[in-house]
PDB file of N, CA and C in Angstrom:
ATOM      1  N   MET A   1     253.499  88.139  74.886  1.00  0.00           N
ATOM      2  CA  MET A   1     254.226  88.009  76.125  1.00  0.00           C
ATOM      3  C   MET A   1     254.675  89.400  76.559  1.00  0.00           C
ATOM      4  N   LEU A   2     254.215  89.807  77.689  1.00  0.00           N
ATOM      5  CA  LEU A   2     254.634  91.075  78.281  1.00  0.00           C
ATOM      6  C   LEU A   2     255.542  90.720  79.450  1.00  0.00           C
ATOM      7  N   ASP A   3     256.816  90.993  79.316  1.00  0.00           N
ATOM      8  CA  ASP A   3     257.795  90.551  80.302  1.00  0.00           C
ATOM      9  C   ASP A   3     258.402  91.736  81.039  1.00  0.00           C
ATOM     10  N   ASN A   4     258.384  91.635  82.351  1.00  0.00           N
ATOM     11  CA  ASN A   4     258.995  92.653  83.222  1.00  0.00           C
ATOM     12  C   ASN A   4     258.447  94.050  82.976  1.00  0.00           C
ATOM     13  N   MET A   5     257.152  94.162  82.808  1.00  0.00           N
ATOM     14  CA  MET A   5     256.511  95.474  82.618  1.00  0.00           C
ATOM     15  C   MET A   5     255.782  95.885  83.889  1.00  0.00           C
ATOM     16  N   ASP A   6     255.774  97.198  84.149  1.00  0.00           N
ATOM     17  CA  ASP A   6     254.976  97.674  85.272  1.00  0.00           C
ATOM     18  C   ASP A   6     253.508  97.754  84.847  1.00  0.00           C
ATOM     19  N   ILE A   7     252.650  98.035  85.797  1.00  0.00           N
ATOM     20  CA  ILE A   7     251.203  98.015  85.548  1.00  0.00           C
ATOM     21  C   ILE A   7     250.795  98.987  84.444  1.00  0.00           C
ATOM     22  N   GLU A   8     251.353 100.166  84.439  1.00  0.00           N
ATOM     23  CA  GLU A   8     250.988 101.147  83.405  1.00  0.00           C
ATOM     24  C   GLU A   8     251.393 100.680  82.011  1.00  0.00           C
ATOM     25  N   MET A   9     252.556 100.074  81.901  1.00  0.00           N
ATOM     26  CA  MET A   9     252.997  99.555  80.598  1.00  0.00           C
ATOM     27  C   MET A   9     252.102  98.400  80.145  1.00  0.00           C
ATOM     28  N   ILE A  10     251.696  97.555  81.094  1.00  0.00           N
ATOM     29  CA  ILE A  10     250.794  96.445  80.761  1.00  0.00           C
ATOM     30  C   ILE A  10     249.476  96.997  80.225  1.00  0.00           C
ATOM     31  N   LYS A  11     248.943  98.004  80.890  1.00  0.00           N
ATOM     32  CA  LYS A  11     247.673  98.602  80.446  1.00  0.00           C
ATOM     33  C   LYS A  11     247.799  99.206  79.045  1.00  0.00           C
ATOM     34  N   LYS A  12     248.898  99.893  78.781  1.00  0.00           N
ATOM     35  CA  LYS A  12     249.108 100.480  77.450  1.00  0.00           C
ATOM     36  C   LYS A  12     249.237  99.390  76.388  1.00  0.00           C
ATOM     37  N   ALA A  13     249.975  98.330  76.716  1.00  0.00           N
ATOM     38  CA  ALA A  13     250.139  97.229  75.768  1.00  0.00           C
ATOM     39  C   ALA A  13     248.797  96.572  75.477  1.00  0.00           C
ATOM     40  N   LEU A  14     247.967  96.392  76.491  1.00  0.00           N
ATOM     41  CA  LEU A  14     246.646  95.787  76.293  1.00  0.00           C
ATOM     42  C   LEU A  14     245.776  96.645  75.380  1.00  0.00           C
ATOM     43  N   GLN A  15     245.892  97.953  75.498  1.00  0.00           N
ATOM     44  CA  GLN A  15     245.140  98.834  74.599  1.00  0.00           C
ATOM     45  C   GLN A  15     245.606  98.659  73.156  1.00  0.00           C
ATOM     46  N   LEU A  16     246.913  98.549  72.958  1.00  0.00           N
ATOM     47  CA  LEU A  16     247.451  98.363  71.608  1.00  0.00           C
ATOM     48  C   LEU A  16     247.064  97.004  71.020  1.00  0.00           C
ATOM     49  N   ILE A  17     247.080  95.979  71.847  1.00  0.00           N
ATOM     50  CA  ILE A  17     246.749  94.622  71.391  1.00  0.00           C
ATOM     51  C   ILE A  17     245.258  94.496  71.106  1.00  0.00           C
ATOM     52  N   ASN A  18     244.440  95.190  71.911  1.00  0.00           N
ATOM     53  CA  ASN A  18     243.006  95.308  71.681  1.00  0.00           C
ATOM     54  C   ASN A  18     242.308  93.956  71.449  1.00  0.00           C
ATOM     55  N   HIS A  19     242.598  92.978  72.311  1.00  0.00           N
ATOM     56  CA  HIS A  19     241.938  91.657  72.273  1.00  0.00           C
ATOM     57  C   HIS A  19     242.213  90.872  70.989  1.00  0.00           C
ATOM     58  N   LYS A  20     243.270  91.192  70.267  1.00  0.00           N
ATOM     59  CA  LYS A  20     243.587  90.484  69.023  1.00  0.00           C
ATOM     60  C   LYS A  20     244.486  89.276  69.260  1.00  0.00           C
ATOM     61  N   ALA A  21     244.940  89.088  70.501  1.00  0.00           N
ATOM     62  CA  ALA A  21     245.802  87.967  70.846  1.00  0.00           C
ATOM     63  C   ALA A  21     245.680  87.684  72.337  1.00  0.00           C
ATOM     64  N   LEU A  22     246.001  86.450  72.718  1.00  0.00           N
ATOM     65  CA  LEU A  22     246.111  86.142  74.144  1.00  0.00           C
ATOM     66  C   LEU A  22     247.323  86.872  74.690  1.00  0.00           C
ATOM     67  N   VAL A  23     247.201  87.381  75.894  1.00  0.00           N
ATOM     68  CA  VAL A  23     248.295  88.143  76.484  1.00  0.00           C
ATOM     69  C   VAL A  23     248.752  87.462  77.774  1.00  0.00           C
ATOM     70  N   GLU A  24     250.050  87.185  77.824  1.00  0.00           N
ATOM     71  CA  GLU A  24     250.659  86.582  79.010  1.00  0.00           C
ATOM     72  C   GLU A  24     251.621  87.584  79.634  1.00  0.00           C
ATOM     73  N   VAL A  25     251.584  87.674  80.952  1.00  0.00           N
ATOM     74  CA  VAL A  25     252.504  88.537  81.696  1.00  0.00           C
ATOM     75  C   VAL A  25     253.433  87.644  82.506  1.00  0.00           C
ATOM     76  N   SER A  26     254.716  87.980  82.492  1.00  0.00           N
ATOM     77  CA  SER A  26     255.681  87.263  83.318  1.00  0.00           C
ATOM     78  C   SER A  26     256.771  88.233  83.747  1.00  0.00           C
ATOM     79  N   GLY A  27     257.583  87.792  84.661  1.00  0.00           N
ATOM     80  CA  GLY A  27     258.697  88.614  85.121  1.00  0.00           C
ATOM     81  C   GLY A  27     258.272  89.594  86.185  1.00  0.00           C
ATOM     82  N   GLY A  28     258.793  89.434  87.350  1.00  0.00           N
ATOM     83  CA  GLY A  28     258.480  90.339  88.452  1.00  0.00           C
ATOM     84  C   GLY A  28     257.131  90.090  89.105  1.00  0.00           C
ATOM     85  N   VAL A  29     256.492  88.989  88.761  1.00  0.00           N
ATOM     86  CA  VAL A  29     255.193  88.666  89.353  1.00  0.00           C
ATOM     87  C   VAL A  29     255.431  88.044  90.723  1.00  0.00           C
ATOM     88  N   ASN A  30     254.729  88.563  91.729  1.00  0.00           N
ATOM     89  CA  ASN A  30     254.854  88.014  93.078  1.00  0.00           C
ATOM     90  C   ASN A  30     253.540  88.166  93.825  1.00  0.00           C
ATOM     91  N   ILE A  31     253.513  87.696  95.035  1.00  0.00           N
ATOM     92  CA  ILE A  31     252.289  87.698  95.849  1.00  0.00           C
ATOM     93  C   ILE A  31     251.770  89.122  96.089  1.00  0.00           C
ATOM     94  N   ASN A  32     252.663  90.104  96.042  1.00  0.00           N
ATOM     95  CA  ASN A  32     252.272  91.484  96.319  1.00  0.00           C
ATOM     96  C   ASN A  32     251.631  92.190  95.135  1.00  0.00           C
ATOM     97  N   ASN A  33     251.873  91.711  93.904  1.00  0.00           N
ATOM     98  CA  ASN A  33     251.339  92.431  92.745  1.00  0.00           C
ATOM     99  C   ASN A  33     250.471  91.579  91.815  1.00  0.00           C
ATOM    100  N   ILE A  34     250.299  90.300  92.111  1.00  0.00           N
ATOM    101  CA  ILE A  34     249.576  89.425  91.195  1.00  0.00           C
ATOM    102  C   ILE A  34     248.104  89.838  91.043  1.00  0.00           C
ATOM    103  N   ALA A  35     247.476  90.288  92.107  1.00  0.00           N
ATOM    104  CA  ALA A  35     246.067  90.714  92.017  1.00  0.00           C
ATOM    105  C   ALA A  35     245.935  91.948  91.130  1.00  0.00           C
ATOM    106  N   GLU A  36     246.849  92.883  91.268  1.00  0.00           N
ATOM    107  CA  GLU A  36     246.806  94.093  90.438  1.00  0.00           C
ATOM    108  C   GLU A  36     247.047  93.754  88.964  1.00  0.00           C
ATOM    109  N   ILE A  37     247.938  92.815  88.723  1.00  0.00           N
ATOM    110  CA  ILE A  37     248.181  92.377  87.347  1.00  0.00           C
ATOM    111  C   ILE A  37     246.937  91.699  86.791  1.00  0.00           C
ATOM    112  N   ALA A  38     246.324  90.828  87.576  1.00  0.00           N
ATOM    113  CA  ALA A  38     245.102  90.138  87.136  1.00  0.00           C
ATOM    114  C   ALA A  38     243.993  91.136  86.826  1.00  0.00           C
ATOM    115  N   ASP A  39     243.898  92.193  87.596  1.00  0.00           N
ATOM    116  CA  ASP A  39     242.860  93.212  87.383  1.00  0.00           C
ATOM    117  C   ASP A  39     243.015  93.959  86.065  1.00  0.00           C
ATOM    118  N   THR A  40     244.183  93.879  85.428  1.00  0.00           N
ATOM    119  CA  THR A  40     244.363  94.559  84.142  1.00  0.00           C
ATOM    120  C   THR A  40     243.607  93.856  83.026  1.00  0.00           C
ATOM    121  N   GLY A  41     243.295  92.576  83.226  1.00  0.00           N
ATOM    122  CA  GLY A  41     242.568  91.829  82.209  1.00  0.00           C
ATOM    123  C   GLY A  41     243.433  90.939  81.337  1.00  0.00           C
ATOM    124  N   VAL A  42     244.694  90.719  81.721  1.00  0.00           N
ATOM    125  CA  VAL A  42     245.546  89.823  80.942  1.00  0.00           C
ATOM    126  C   VAL A  42     244.963  88.411  80.982  1.00  0.00           C
ATOM    127  N   ASP A  43     245.334  87.600  80.021  1.00  0.00           N
ATOM    128  CA  ASP A  43     244.787  86.248  79.926  1.00  0.00           C
ATOM    129  C   ASP A  43     245.551  85.231  80.764  1.00  0.00           C
ATOM    130  N   ILE A  44     246.869  85.392  80.833  1.00  0.00           N
ATOM    131  CA  ILE A  44     247.727  84.409  81.499  1.00  0.00           C
ATOM    132  C   ILE A  44     248.765  85.148  82.336  1.00  0.00           C
ATOM    133  N   ILE A  45     249.027  84.642  83.527  1.00  0.00           N
ATOM    134  CA  ILE A  45     250.083  85.189  84.376  1.00  0.00           C
ATOM    135  C   ILE A  45     251.030  84.048  84.725  1.00  0.00           C
ATOM    136  N   SER A  46     252.306  84.212  84.405  1.00  0.00           N
ATOM    137  CA  SER A  46     253.320  83.211  84.735  1.00  0.00           C
ATOM    138  C   SER A  46     254.093  83.675  85.958  1.00  0.00           C
ATOM    139  N   VAL A  47     254.287  82.742  86.884  1.00  0.00           N
ATOM    140  CA  VAL A  47     255.009  83.053  88.117  1.00  0.00           C
ATOM    141  C   VAL A  47     256.244  82.167  88.186  1.00  0.00           C
ATOM    142  N   GLY A  48     257.394  82.719  87.854  1.00  0.00           N
ATOM    143  CA  GLY A  48     258.636  81.958  87.853  1.00  0.00           C
ATOM    144  C   GLY A  48     259.081  81.526  89.234  1.00  0.00           C
ATOM    145  N   ALA A  49     258.648  82.222  90.271  1.00  0.00           N
ATOM    146  CA  ALA A  49     259.052  81.878  91.631  1.00  0.00           C
ATOM    147  C   ALA A  49     258.633  80.457  92.005  1.00  0.00           C
ATOM    148  N   LEU A  50     257.623  79.935  91.302  1.00  0.00           N
ATOM    149  CA  LEU A  50     257.198  78.563  91.573  1.00  0.00           C
ATOM    150  C   LEU A  50     258.309  77.569  91.287  1.00  0.00           C
ATOM    151  N   THR A  51     259.201  77.906  90.366  1.00  0.00           N
ATOM    152  CA  THR A  51     260.289  76.990  90.032  1.00  0.00           C
ATOM    153  C   THR A  51     261.645  77.484  90.515  1.00  0.00           C
ATOM    154  N   HIS A  52     261.977  78.753  90.294  1.00  0.00           N
ATOM    155  CA  HIS A  52     263.326  79.198  90.643  1.00  0.00           C
ATOM    156  C   HIS A  52     263.502  79.548  92.107  1.00  0.00           C
ATOM    157  N   SER A  53     262.437  79.657  92.873  1.00  0.00           N
ATOM    158  CA  SER A  53     262.566  79.986  94.295  1.00  0.00           C
ATOM    159  C   SER A  53     262.111  78.850  95.205  1.00  0.00           C
ATOM    160  N   ALA A  54     261.767  77.728  94.623  1.00  0.00           N
ATOM    161  CA  ALA A  54     261.313  76.594  95.427  1.00  0.00           C
ATOM    162  C   ALA A  54     262.493  75.947  96.141  1.00  0.00           C
ATOM    163  N   ARG A  55     262.245  75.492  97.372  1.00  0.00           N
ATOM    164  CA  ARG A  55     263.288  74.788  98.113  1.00  0.00           C
ATOM    165  C   ARG A  55     263.450  73.386  97.541  1.00  0.00           C
ATOM    166  N   SER A  56     264.664  72.895  97.575  1.00  0.00           N
ATOM    167  CA  SER A  56     264.912  71.546  97.060  1.00  0.00           C
ATOM    168  C   SER A  56     264.552  70.505  98.119  1.00  0.00           C
ATOM    169  N   VAL A  57     264.223  69.321  97.640  1.00  0.00           N
ATOM    170  CA  VAL A  57     263.885  68.200  98.508  1.00  0.00           C
ATOM    171  C   VAL A  57     264.707  67.006  98.044  1.00  0.00           C
ATOM    172  N   ASP A  58     265.291  66.284  98.975  1.00  0.00           N
ATOM    173  CA  ASP A  58     266.077  65.103  98.633  1.00  0.00           C
ATOM    174  C   ASP A  58     265.127  63.943  98.368  1.00  0.00           C
ATOM    175  N   LEU A  59     265.054  63.539  97.107  1.00  0.00           N
ATOM    176  CA  LEU A  59     264.207  62.419  96.713  1.00  0.00           C
ATOM    177  C   LEU A  59     265.061  61.233  96.254  1.00  0.00           C
ATOM    178  N   SER A  60     266.248  61.120  96.809  1.00  0.00           N
ATOM    179  CA  SER A  60     267.137  60.048  96.374  1.00  0.00           C
ATOM    180  C   SER A  60     266.548  58.683  96.731  1.00  0.00           C
ATOM    181  N   MET A  61     266.890  57.699  95.898  1.00  0.00           N
ATOM    182  CA  MET A  61     266.410  56.352  96.121  1.00  0.00           C
ATOM    183  C   MET A  61     267.608  55.414  96.019  1.00  0.00           C
ATOM    184  N   ARG A  62     267.763  54.587  97.024  1.00  0.00           N
ATOM    185  CA  ARG A  62     268.870  53.637  97.005  1.00  0.00           C
ATOM    186  C   ARG A  62     268.318  52.278  96.580  1.00  0.00           C
ATOM    187  N   ILE A  63     268.927  51.717  95.562  1.00  0.00           N
ATOM    188  CA  ILE A  63     268.491  50.430  95.046  1.00  0.00           C
ATOM    189  C   ILE A  63     269.609  49.409  95.316  1.00  0.00           C
ATOM    190  N   GLU A  64     269.235  48.315  95.950  1.00  0.00           N
ATOM    191  CA  GLU A  64     270.201  47.269  96.243  1.00  0.00           C
ATOM    192  C   GLU A  64     269.856  46.039  95.427  1.00  0.00           C
ATOM    193  N   ALA A  65     270.878  45.399  94.948  1.00  0.00           N
ATOM    194  CA  ALA A  65     270.672  44.172  94.178  1.00  0.00           C
ATOM    195  C   ALA A  65     270.237  43.053  95.101  1.00  0.00           C
ATOM    196  N   VAL A  66     269.298  42.256  94.650  1.00  0.00           N
ATOM    197  CA  VAL A  66     268.813  41.105  95.404  1.00  0.00           C
ATOM    198  C   VAL A  66     269.487  39.873  94.841  1.00  0.00           C
ATOM    199  N   THR A  67     270.138  39.107  95.711  1.00  0.00           N
ATOM    200  CA  THR A  67     270.816  37.895  95.232  1.00  0.00           C
ATOM    201  C   THR A  67     270.167  36.649  95.745  1.00  0.00           C
TER     202      THR A  67
END
């Protein structure tokens, strides 16, 4: 897991890991840098904005007793 690393740090870490493990990148991933991160050759990219920046939706359900 490479968390909150810039592109140069990701590249250095990938050289050290040398394909000996799956590598996941997370933290600071957004629409502006995801392609550059993918181009480094990492195996997995996690995007937290999918959960922590999503708008809420009211899915309430009212249940009434039938008599």
